[in-house]
């Protein structure tokens, strides 16, 4: 957090050497890079209540997109799902065998959530006969098993083809960003611009991420603002499911009602689940945030009528509220 708002959600990966790799959304790269450099150079005030606070050390910041970092360029391929590790092991079984593959096999089998390994993966068609890979057991789909594989962009197409070749017999299919979005909504994971920041200026505690905010750490940007917001917060993000199929899809900003028709919040994200029901998240009055609470979602008509209610005729369409229920904040697997 910076000041009184959430700046960005990002993944910081602690590398085996004394460094970290930060993975950010491409749309916010320039803003994030500028902020990190400003803090590092002491050009910004990071705590108005303690204006003397500065970073306790000066870091060496490297933009891995820069032309002079071409040897360090990386792109991220996400391999997600219950058979993700089996797919990597199937590819490893087809790789040239030796001490290197045995070491990689042991590392893959021993990886826990958020673990990271750097490997030199032998493959005859790779440059120099090996892939230099960073493999993290992370992802943003809500799957207990999944990996993000960081590879040089020149060799990403080959890696993609290899994963599909060895993964198809195990059910692997290529999917795009929309599929990822529906999975993260199903799991209850917030997205920047929807459940974090965005038009409602939502903070981590609004989104149910209080446990990840370590206020006790000495270098914490926005501590006072966070505490002040938490003390007066009256709304929070919930996960919900509509009870009927084939109902209009709510969009971000569509209103959420209680059983008496009173507006209690608004939709932040919504998608259709594998059973055909609408599953989403909404920012609502926290009195209605308990699992099992009945809510109604008013999906705005795509072509709303301008007629007053008393002038409606047969064949005119109006928006109806879909009945839904609040679920546990995060999907438990």
Protein backbone atom coordinates (compact mmCIF):
# COMPACT_ATOMS: atom_id res chain seq x y z
CA UNK A 1 0.00 0.00 0.00
CA UNK A 2 1.11 3.56 -0.65
CA UNK A 3 -0.50 6.44 1.25
CA UNK A 4 -4.16 5.49 1.50
CA UNK A 5 -4.49 3.26 -1.55
CA UNK A 6 -3.34 -0.10 -2.88
CA UNK A 7 -0.65 0.38 -5.48
CA UNK A 8 -0.44 -3.09 -7.02
CA UNK A 9 -0.51 -6.79 -6.33
CA UNK A 10 2.65 -8.56 -7.43
CA UNK A 11 4.55 -11.78 -6.82
CA UNK A 12 7.99 -11.43 -5.25
CA UNK A 13 10.13 -14.52 -5.69
CA UNK A 14 13.14 -14.97 -3.41
CA UNK A 15 15.93 -16.39 -5.53
CA UNK A 16 18.56 -18.83 -4.22
CA UNK A 17 21.15 -16.04 -4.37
CA UNK A 18 20.65 -12.86 -2.27
CA UNK A 19 18.11 -11.32 -4.65
CA UNK A 20 14.42 -11.23 -5.46
CA UNK A 21 12.53 -11.35 -8.74
CA UNK A 22 9.34 -9.30 -8.86
CA UNK A 23 6.62 -10.35 -11.31
CA UNK A 24 4.13 -7.58 -12.03
CA UNK A 25 1.18 -7.04 -14.34
CA UNK A 26 2.47 -5.64 -17.64
CA UNK A 27 -0.09 -2.82 -17.58
CA UNK A 28 1.46 -1.39 -14.39
CA UNK A 29 5.13 -2.03 -15.08
CA UNK A 30 6.11 1.63 -15.63
CA UNK A 31 4.30 2.80 -12.48
CA UNK A 32 5.79 0.04 -10.32
CA UNK A 33 9.31 0.59 -11.68
CA UNK A 34 9.10 4.33 -11.03
CA UNK A 35 7.92 3.79 -7.45
CA UNK A 36 10.63 1.25 -6.61
CA UNK A 37 13.32 3.59 -7.91
CA UNK A 38 11.86 6.59 -6.07
CA UNK A 39 11.87 4.70 -2.76
CA UNK A 40 15.33 3.33 -3.41
CA UNK A 41 16.67 6.84 -4.15
CA UNK A 42 14.90 8.44 -1.17
CA UNK A 43 12.95 10.80 -3.46
CA UNK A 44 9.53 10.10 -1.91
CA UNK A 45 8.11 10.31 1.57
CA UNK A 46 6.87 6.84 2.40
CA UNK A 47 5.30 7.58 5.81
CA UNK A 48 3.80 11.05 6.47
CA UNK A 49 3.59 10.25 10.19
CA UNK A 50 7.29 9.37 10.29
CA UNK A 51 8.83 11.53 7.56
CA UNK A 52 12.35 10.49 8.50
CA UNK A 53 11.77 6.84 7.55
CA UNK A 54 13.78 5.63 4.58
CA UNK A 55 14.68 2.26 3.16
CA UNK A 56 17.28 0.70 5.50
CA UNK A 57 19.54 -0.12 2.53
CA UNK A 58 20.02 0.75 -1.11
CA UNK A 59 19.18 -2.06 -3.48
CA UNK A 60 20.57 -2.75 -6.93
CA UNK A 61 17.47 -2.57 -9.15
CA UNK A 62 17.64 -4.21 -12.57
CA UNK A 63 14.92 -3.97 -15.21
CA UNK A 64 15.09 -7.39 -16.86
CA UNK A 65 13.29 -6.00 -19.93
CA UNK A 66 16.24 -3.73 -20.78
CA UNK A 67 18.19 -4.51 -23.99
CA UNK A 68 21.44 -5.00 -22.06
CA UNK A 69 19.70 -7.70 -19.98
CA UNK A 70 18.80 -9.86 -22.98
CA UNK A 71 20.57 -12.87 -21.46
CA UNK A 72 18.28 -12.55 -18.41
CA UNK A 73 14.99 -12.02 -20.28
CA UNK A 74 12.19 -14.28 -19.12
CA UNK A 75 8.58 -15.02 -19.97
CA UNK A 76 6.21 -16.93 -17.73
CA UNK A 77 4.31 -20.04 -18.78
CA UNK A 78 1.73 -21.17 -16.20
CA UNK A 79 1.17 -24.92 -15.93
CA UNK A 80 -1.79 -25.36 -13.59
CA UNK A 81 -3.93 -28.28 -12.44
CA UNK A 82 -3.78 -31.54 -10.49
CA UNK A 83 -1.59 -33.28 -13.10
CA UNK A 84 0.88 -30.39 -13.50
CA UNK A 85 3.73 -32.17 -11.70
CA UNK A 86 2.99 -35.43 -13.54
CA UNK A 87 3.37 -33.57 -16.85
CA UNK A 88 6.77 -32.19 -15.89
CA UNK A 89 7.86 -35.63 -14.74
CA UNK A 90 6.66 -37.18 -18.02
CA UNK A 91 8.77 -34.68 -19.96
CA UNK A 92 11.71 -35.35 -17.64
CA UNK A 93 11.38 -39.10 -18.27
CA UNK A 94 11.82 -38.44 -22.01
CA UNK A 95 14.83 -36.17 -21.44
CA UNK A 96 18.43 -37.46 -21.63
CA UNK A 97 18.95 -39.33 -18.39
CA UNK A 98 21.80 -38.70 -16.00
CA UNK A 99 22.67 -37.05 -12.68
CA UNK A 100 21.05 -33.77 -13.77
CA UNK A 101 17.66 -35.34 -14.47
CA UNK A 102 17.78 -37.31 -11.22
CA UNK A 103 18.43 -34.11 -9.30
CA UNK A 104 15.56 -32.31 -11.06
CA UNK A 105 13.23 -35.22 -10.35
CA UNK A 106 13.99 -35.04 -6.65
CA UNK A 107 13.53 -31.29 -6.62
CA UNK A 108 10.15 -31.46 -8.39
CA UNK A 109 8.87 -34.16 -6.04
CA UNK A 110 9.99 -32.17 -3.01
CA UNK A 111 8.52 -28.79 -3.99
CA UNK A 112 5.94 -27.31 -1.65
CA UNK A 113 3.70 -24.34 -2.34
CA UNK A 114 5.66 -21.17 -3.18
CA UNK A 115 8.94 -23.13 -3.48
CA UNK A 116 11.30 -22.23 -6.32
CA UNK A 117 14.07 -24.06 -8.11
CA UNK A 118 16.57 -23.04 -10.80
CA UNK A 119 17.36 -25.94 -13.10
CA UNK A 120 19.44 -26.74 -16.15
CA UNK A 121 17.06 -29.10 -17.96
CA UNK A 122 18.73 -31.31 -20.58
CA UNK A 123 16.98 -31.39 -23.97
CA UNK A 124 18.72 -31.99 -27.31
CA UNK A 125 16.84 -29.27 -29.25
CA UNK A 126 17.42 -26.56 -26.63
CA UNK A 127 20.30 -24.04 -26.97
CA UNK A 128 23.48 -25.82 -25.96
CA UNK A 129 21.40 -28.90 -25.24
CA UNK A 130 19.75 -27.48 -22.10
CA UNK A 131 16.92 -25.22 -20.95
CA UNK A 132 17.80 -22.72 -18.21
CA UNK A 133 14.54 -22.59 -16.26
CA UNK A 134 13.20 -21.02 -13.10
CA UNK A 135 10.30 -23.13 -11.84
CA UNK A 136 8.06 -21.82 -9.05
CA UNK A 137 5.20 -23.72 -7.47
CA UNK A 138 2.90 -20.74 -7.76
CA UNK A 139 -0.07 -19.61 -9.85
CA UNK A 140 -3.27 -17.60 -9.76
CA UNK A 141 -5.93 -20.18 -10.50
CA UNK A 142 -6.62 -21.49 -7.00
CA UNK A 143 -5.29 -24.93 -7.89
CA UNK A 144 -3.35 -26.66 -5.08
CA UNK A 145 -0.93 -28.01 -7.70
CA UNK A 146 0.55 -25.72 -10.31
CA UNK A 147 3.78 -24.21 -11.57
CA UNK A 148 4.98 -21.04 -13.23
CA UNK A 149 7.93 -21.69 -15.53
CA UNK A 150 10.21 -18.78 -16.44
CA UNK A 151 12.12 -19.27 -19.68
CA UNK A 152 13.97 -17.07 -22.16
CA UNK A 153 11.46 -15.75 -24.73
CA UNK A 154 13.45 -17.19 -27.65
CA UNK A 155 12.81 -20.68 -26.31
CA UNK A 156 9.28 -20.23 -24.98
CA UNK A 157 7.61 -21.61 -28.18
CA UNK A 158 9.63 -24.82 -27.96
CA UNK A 159 8.84 -25.20 -24.25
CA UNK A 160 5.14 -24.58 -24.97
CA UNK A 161 5.12 -27.31 -27.61
CA UNK A 162 6.93 -29.75 -25.32
CA UNK A 163 4.50 -29.17 -22.46
CA UNK A 164 1.55 -29.80 -24.78
CA UNK A 165 3.22 -32.88 -26.30
CA UNK A 166 3.77 -34.57 -22.94
CA UNK A 167 0.72 -33.06 -21.28
CA UNK A 168 -2.04 -33.88 -23.76
CA UNK A 169 -2.18 -37.59 -22.77
CA UNK A 170 -2.71 -36.36 -19.18
CA UNK A 171 -5.47 -33.92 -20.12
CA UNK A 172 -3.49 -30.71 -20.68
CA UNK A 173 -5.20 -28.08 -22.80
CA UNK A 174 -4.07 -24.56 -23.76
CA UNK A 175 -6.23 -21.80 -22.29
CA UNK A 176 -6.18 -18.02 -22.38
CA UNK A 177 -6.59 -15.17 -19.94
CA UNK A 178 -10.39 -15.41 -19.77
CA UNK A 179 -10.14 -19.02 -18.56
CA UNK A 180 -7.61 -17.98 -15.93
CA UNK A 181 -9.98 -15.22 -14.85
CA UNK A 182 -12.89 -17.62 -14.35
CA UNK A 183 -10.68 -19.93 -12.29
CA UNK A 184 -9.40 -17.17 -10.01
CA UNK A 185 -13.00 -15.93 -9.51
CA UNK A 186 -14.12 -19.45 -8.59
CA UNK A 187 -11.28 -19.62 -6.04
CA UNK A 188 -12.05 -16.12 -4.70
CA UNK A 189 -8.68 -14.62 -5.65
CA UNK A 190 -8.78 -10.83 -6.05
CA UNK A 191 -7.68 -9.03 -9.20
CA UNK A 192 -6.15 -5.56 -9.28
CA UNK A 193 -8.73 -3.15 -10.66
CA UNK A 194 -11.61 -5.29 -9.39
CA UNK A 195 -11.19 -6.55 -5.80
CA UNK A 196 -8.05 -4.48 -5.18
CA UNK A 197 -7.86 -0.72 -5.89
CA UNK A 198 -10.06 -0.08 -8.94
CA UNK A 199 -13.10 2.23 -8.94
CA UNK A 200 -13.91 1.34 -5.31
CA UNK A 201 -10.32 1.90 -4.11
CA UNK A 202 -10.33 -1.44 -2.28
CA UNK A 203 -7.57 -2.37 0.18
CA UNK A 204 -6.17 -5.81 1.06
CA UNK A 205 -8.39 -6.15 4.16
CA UNK A 206 -11.48 -5.34 2.06
CA UNK A 207 -10.54 -8.26 -0.18
CA UNK A 208 -10.01 -10.73 2.69
CA UNK A 209 -6.22 -10.62 2.59
CA UNK A 210 -5.62 -9.39 6.15
CA UNK A 211 -3.44 -12.40 6.90
CA UNK A 212 -0.93 -11.35 4.26
CA UNK A 213 -0.49 -7.82 5.61
CA UNK A 214 2.39 -7.88 8.11
CA UNK A 215 1.95 -4.64 10.03
CA UNK A 216 4.63 -5.61 12.54
CA UNK A 217 7.41 -5.37 9.97
CA UNK A 218 9.54 -2.26 10.51
CA UNK A 219 9.53 -1.10 6.88
CA UNK A 220 5.83 -1.02 5.98
CA UNK A 221 4.52 1.62 3.58
CA UNK A 222 1.00 2.76 4.50
CA UNK A 223 0.75 1.26 8.00
CA UNK A 224 -1.15 4.20 9.53
CA UNK A 225 -3.52 4.46 6.57
CA UNK A 226 -4.17 0.72 6.68
CA UNK A 227 -5.03 0.75 10.38
CA UNK A 228 -7.29 3.79 10.00
CA UNK A 229 -9.18 2.18 7.13
CA UNK A 230 -9.55 -1.16 8.95
CA UNK A 231 -10.96 0.59 12.03
CA UNK A 232 -13.83 2.20 10.13
CA UNK A 233 -14.44 -0.47 7.47
CA UNK A 234 -18.11 -1.45 7.09
CA UNK A 235 -17.98 -3.43 3.84
CA UNK A 236 -15.98 -6.32 2.48
CA UNK A 237 -15.60 -8.55 -0.57
CA UNK A 238 -17.64 -11.77 -0.64
CA UNK A 239 -17.87 -14.69 -3.02
CA UNK A 240 -21.35 -15.62 -4.27
CA UNK A 241 -23.20 -18.01 -6.55
CA UNK A 242 -26.52 -17.46 -8.27
CA UNK A 243 -29.09 -20.22 -7.79
CA UNK A 244 -30.41 -20.42 -11.36
CA UNK A 245 -28.74 -21.12 -14.67
CA UNK A 246 -29.24 -19.13 -17.89
CA UNK A 247 -29.57 -15.76 -16.17
CA UNK A 248 -27.90 -12.55 -17.43
CA UNK A 249 -24.22 -12.16 -16.58
CA UNK A 250 -23.66 -9.32 -14.07
CA UNK A 251 -20.85 -6.90 -14.88
CA UNK A 252 -18.52 -5.00 -12.59
CA UNK A 253 -20.57 -2.30 -10.88
CA UNK A 254 -23.97 -4.03 -11.10
CA UNK A 255 -25.86 -3.69 -7.83
CA UNK A 256 -26.34 -6.30 -5.11
CA UNK A 257 -29.57 -6.22 -3.08
CA UNK A 258 -30.77 -7.78 0.15
CA UNK A 259 -33.98 -9.84 0.27
CA UNK A 260 -36.04 -6.67 0.73
CA UNK A 261 -34.57 -5.01 -2.36
CA UNK A 262 -32.25 -2.61 -0.55
CA UNK A 263 -28.87 -1.97 -2.25
CA UNK A 264 -26.08 -3.43 -0.12
CA UNK A 265 -23.16 -3.35 -2.55
CA UNK A 266 -21.98 -4.04 -6.06
CA UNK A 267 -20.45 -6.79 -8.18
CA UNK A 268 -16.68 -6.70 -8.71
CA UNK A 269 -16.20 -9.83 -10.88
CA UNK A 270 -18.34 -12.61 -12.30
CA UNK A 271 -17.91 -15.71 -14.48
CA UNK A 272 -19.75 -18.91 -15.32
CA UNK A 273 -18.61 -22.07 -13.53
CA UNK A 274 -18.27 -25.56 -14.99
CA UNK A 275 -21.86 -26.41 -14.01
CA UNK A 276 -23.29 -23.40 -15.82
CA UNK A 277 -24.01 -21.28 -12.75
CA UNK A 278 -22.81 -17.71 -12.31
CA UNK A 279 -20.11 -17.37 -9.68
CA UNK A 280 -18.71 -14.03 -8.67
CA UNK A 281 -17.41 -11.62 -6.09
CA UNK A 282 -19.03 -8.48 -4.74
CA UNK A 283 -18.24 -5.68 -2.32
CA UNK A 284 -21.11 -5.60 0.18
CA UNK A 285 -22.19 -4.38 3.58
CA UNK A 286 -20.31 -6.72 5.94
CA UNK A 287 -23.55 -7.54 7.79
CA UNK A 288 -24.42 -9.62 4.70
CA UNK A 289 -21.00 -11.25 4.31
CA UNK A 290 -21.67 -14.47 6.21
CA UNK A 291 -21.68 -17.71 4.19
CA UNK A 292 -25.26 -18.79 3.49
CA UNK A 293 -26.62 -15.22 3.40
CA UNK A 294 -29.25 -14.71 0.71
CA UNK A 295 -28.55 -11.90 -1.75
CA UNK A 296 -29.93 -10.70 -5.09
CA UNK A 297 -27.85 -9.47 -8.01
CA UNK A 298 -29.37 -6.94 -10.39
CA UNK A 299 -27.68 -7.40 -13.76
CA UNK A 300 -28.06 -4.16 -15.69
CA UNK A 301 -29.88 -4.59 -19.00
CA UNK A 302 -27.52 -4.32 -21.97
CA UNK A 303 -30.14 -2.21 -23.78
CA UNK A 304 -32.05 -0.61 -20.92
CA UNK A 305 -35.51 0.75 -21.67
CA UNK A 306 -36.05 4.43 -21.06
CA UNK A 307 -39.75 3.95 -20.42
CA UNK A 308 -41.22 4.61 -16.98
CA UNK A 309 -42.61 1.47 -15.37
CA UNK A 310 -46.19 2.54 -15.95
CA UNK A 311 -45.53 2.75 -19.71
CA UNK A 312 -44.10 -0.74 -20.14
CA UNK A 313 -45.85 -2.83 -22.81
CA UNK A 314 -45.97 -6.51 -23.68
CA UNK A 315 -42.61 -7.50 -25.14
CA UNK A 316 -40.57 -4.84 -23.32
CA UNK A 317 -37.61 -6.11 -21.30
CA UNK A 318 -36.51 -5.04 -17.84
CA UNK A 319 -33.68 -6.20 -15.59
CA UNK A 320 -34.53 -8.77 -12.95
CA UNK A 321 -32.52 -9.56 -9.84
CA UNK A 322 -31.02 -13.05 -9.71
CA UNK A 323 -31.24 -14.84 -6.38
CA UNK A 324 -27.91 -15.95 -4.97
CA UNK A 325 -26.12 -17.07 -1.85
CA UNK A 326 -22.89 -15.94 -0.20
CA UNK A 327 -20.16 -18.61 -0.15
CA UNK A 328 -17.04 -19.08 1.94
CA UNK A 329 -14.65 -16.24 1.14
CA UNK A 330 -12.11 -18.56 -0.50
CA UNK A 331 -12.63 -21.93 -2.15
CA UNK A 332 -11.18 -24.71 -0.01
CA UNK A 333 -9.57 -27.58 -1.91
